[in-house]
């Protein structure tokens, strides 16, 4: 567990970059939807807190 004074120097920058990228994706691909009924493979013992892949459908 991290204390208030012990964190990654680039964490805030990485979070800002991810927020900007996801905002742009949401604007430009407004028709994109997640594939229903997919299984999420979550990595164990890794600080990344998300699925290994996320399937999406983008209508033409």
C-alpha atoms as a PDB file:
ATOM      1  CA  UNK A   1       0.000   0.000   0.000  1.00  0.00           C
ATOM      2  CA  UNK A   2       1.335   3.447  -0.834  1.00  0.00           C
ATOM      3  CA  UNK A   3       1.583   6.220   1.705  1.00  0.00           C
ATOM      4  CA  UNK A   4       0.869   9.837   0.763  1.00  0.00           C
ATOM      5  CA  UNK A   5       4.560  10.611   0.250  1.00  0.00           C
ATOM      6  CA  UNK A   6       5.440   7.427  -1.656  1.00  0.00           C
ATOM      7  CA  UNK A   7       4.132   7.335  -5.226  1.00  0.00           C
ATOM      8  CA  UNK A   8       5.238   7.069  -8.817  1.00  0.00           C
ATOM      9  CA  UNK A   9       6.450  10.397 -10.208  1.00  0.00           C
ATOM     10  CA  UNK A  10       4.743   9.805 -13.560  1.00  0.00           C
ATOM     11  CA  UNK A  11       1.412   8.591 -12.166  1.00  0.00           C
ATOM     12  CA  UNK A  12      -0.356  11.959 -12.455  1.00  0.00           C
ATOM     13  CA  UNK A  13       0.925  12.450 -16.008  1.00  0.00           C
ATOM     14  CA  UNK A  14      -0.167   8.940 -17.023  1.00  0.00           C
ATOM     15  CA  UNK A  15      -3.640   9.504 -15.573  1.00  0.00           C
ATOM     16  CA  UNK A  16      -3.972  12.821 -17.421  1.00  0.00           C
ATOM     17  CA  UNK A  17      -2.834  11.254 -20.709  1.00  0.00           C
ATOM     18  CA  UNK A  18      -5.306   8.381 -20.298  1.00  0.00           C
ATOM     19  CA  UNK A  19      -8.158  10.781 -19.498  1.00  0.00           C
ATOM     20  CA  UNK A  20      -7.423  12.879 -22.604  1.00  0.00           C
ATOM     21  CA  UNK A  21      -7.131   9.813 -24.842  1.00  0.00           C
ATOM     22  CA  UNK A  22     -10.393   8.313 -23.563  1.00  0.00           C
ATOM     23  CA  UNK A  23     -12.229  11.652 -23.914  1.00  0.00           C
ATOM     24  CA  UNK A  24     -11.081  11.953 -27.542  1.00  0.00           C
ATOM     25  CA  UNK A  25     -12.023   8.339 -28.272  1.00  0.00           C
ATOM     26  CA  UNK A  26     -15.493   8.890 -26.811  1.00  0.00           C
ATOM     27  CA  UNK A  27     -15.984  11.997 -28.981  1.00  0.00           C
ATOM     28  CA  UNK A  28     -14.721  10.474 -32.226  1.00  0.00           C
ATOM     29  CA  UNK A  29     -16.199   7.009 -31.870  1.00  0.00           C
ATOM     30  CA  UNK A  30     -19.573   7.801 -30.313  1.00  0.00           C
ATOM     31  CA  UNK A  31     -21.161   4.720 -31.932  1.00  0.00           C
ATOM     32  CA  UNK A  32     -18.676   2.298 -30.367  1.00  0.00           C
ATOM     33  CA  UNK A  33     -20.179  -0.214 -27.946  1.00  0.00           C
ATOM     34  CA  UNK A  34     -18.724  -2.995 -25.822  1.00  0.00           C
ATOM     35  CA  UNK A  35     -19.298  -6.534 -27.063  1.00  0.00           C
ATOM     36  CA  UNK A  36     -21.891  -8.127 -24.797  1.00  0.00           C
ATOM     37  CA  UNK A  37     -21.270 -11.222 -22.672  1.00  0.00           C
ATOM     38  CA  UNK A  38     -17.472 -11.158 -22.901  1.00  0.00           C
ATOM     39  CA  UNK A  39     -15.249 -12.670 -20.225  1.00  0.00           C
ATOM     40  CA  UNK A  40     -12.747 -10.334 -18.625  1.00  0.00           C
ATOM     41  CA  UNK A  41      -9.278 -11.742 -18.022  1.00  0.00           C
ATOM     42  CA  UNK A  42      -7.905  -9.695 -15.134  1.00  0.00           C
ATOM     43  CA  UNK A  43      -4.166 -10.019 -14.478  1.00  0.00           C
ATOM     44  CA  UNK A  44      -3.144 -11.166 -11.013  1.00  0.00           C
ATOM     45  CA  UNK A  45      -0.277  -9.583  -9.084  1.00  0.00           C
ATOM     46  CA  UNK A  46       0.094  -6.690 -11.528  1.00  0.00           C
ATOM     47  CA  UNK A  47      -0.465  -3.037 -10.623  1.00  0.00           C
ATOM     48  CA  UNK A  48      -2.501  -2.519 -13.841  1.00  0.00           C
ATOM     49  CA  UNK A  49      -6.137  -2.609 -12.712  1.00  0.00           C
ATOM     50  CA  UNK A  50      -7.995  -3.519 -15.854  1.00  0.00           C
ATOM     51  CA  UNK A  51      -8.773  -6.342 -18.243  1.00  0.00           C
ATOM     52  CA  UNK A  52      -6.086  -7.653 -20.604  1.00  0.00           C
ATOM     53  CA  UNK A  53      -8.432  -6.921 -23.516  1.00  0.00           C
ATOM     54  CA  UNK A  54     -11.772  -5.254 -24.087  1.00  0.00           C
ATOM     55  CA  UNK A  55     -13.755  -6.121 -27.191  1.00  0.00           C
ATOM     56  CA  UNK A  56     -15.779  -3.389 -28.858  1.00  0.00           C
ATOM     57  CA  UNK A  57     -18.075  -3.087 -31.873  1.00  0.00           C
ATOM     58  CA  UNK A  58     -17.907   0.007 -34.041  1.00  0.00           C
ATOM     59  CA  UNK A  59     -20.791   0.172 -36.535  1.00  0.00           C
ATOM     60  CA  UNK A  60     -19.869   1.306 -40.029  1.00  0.00           C
END
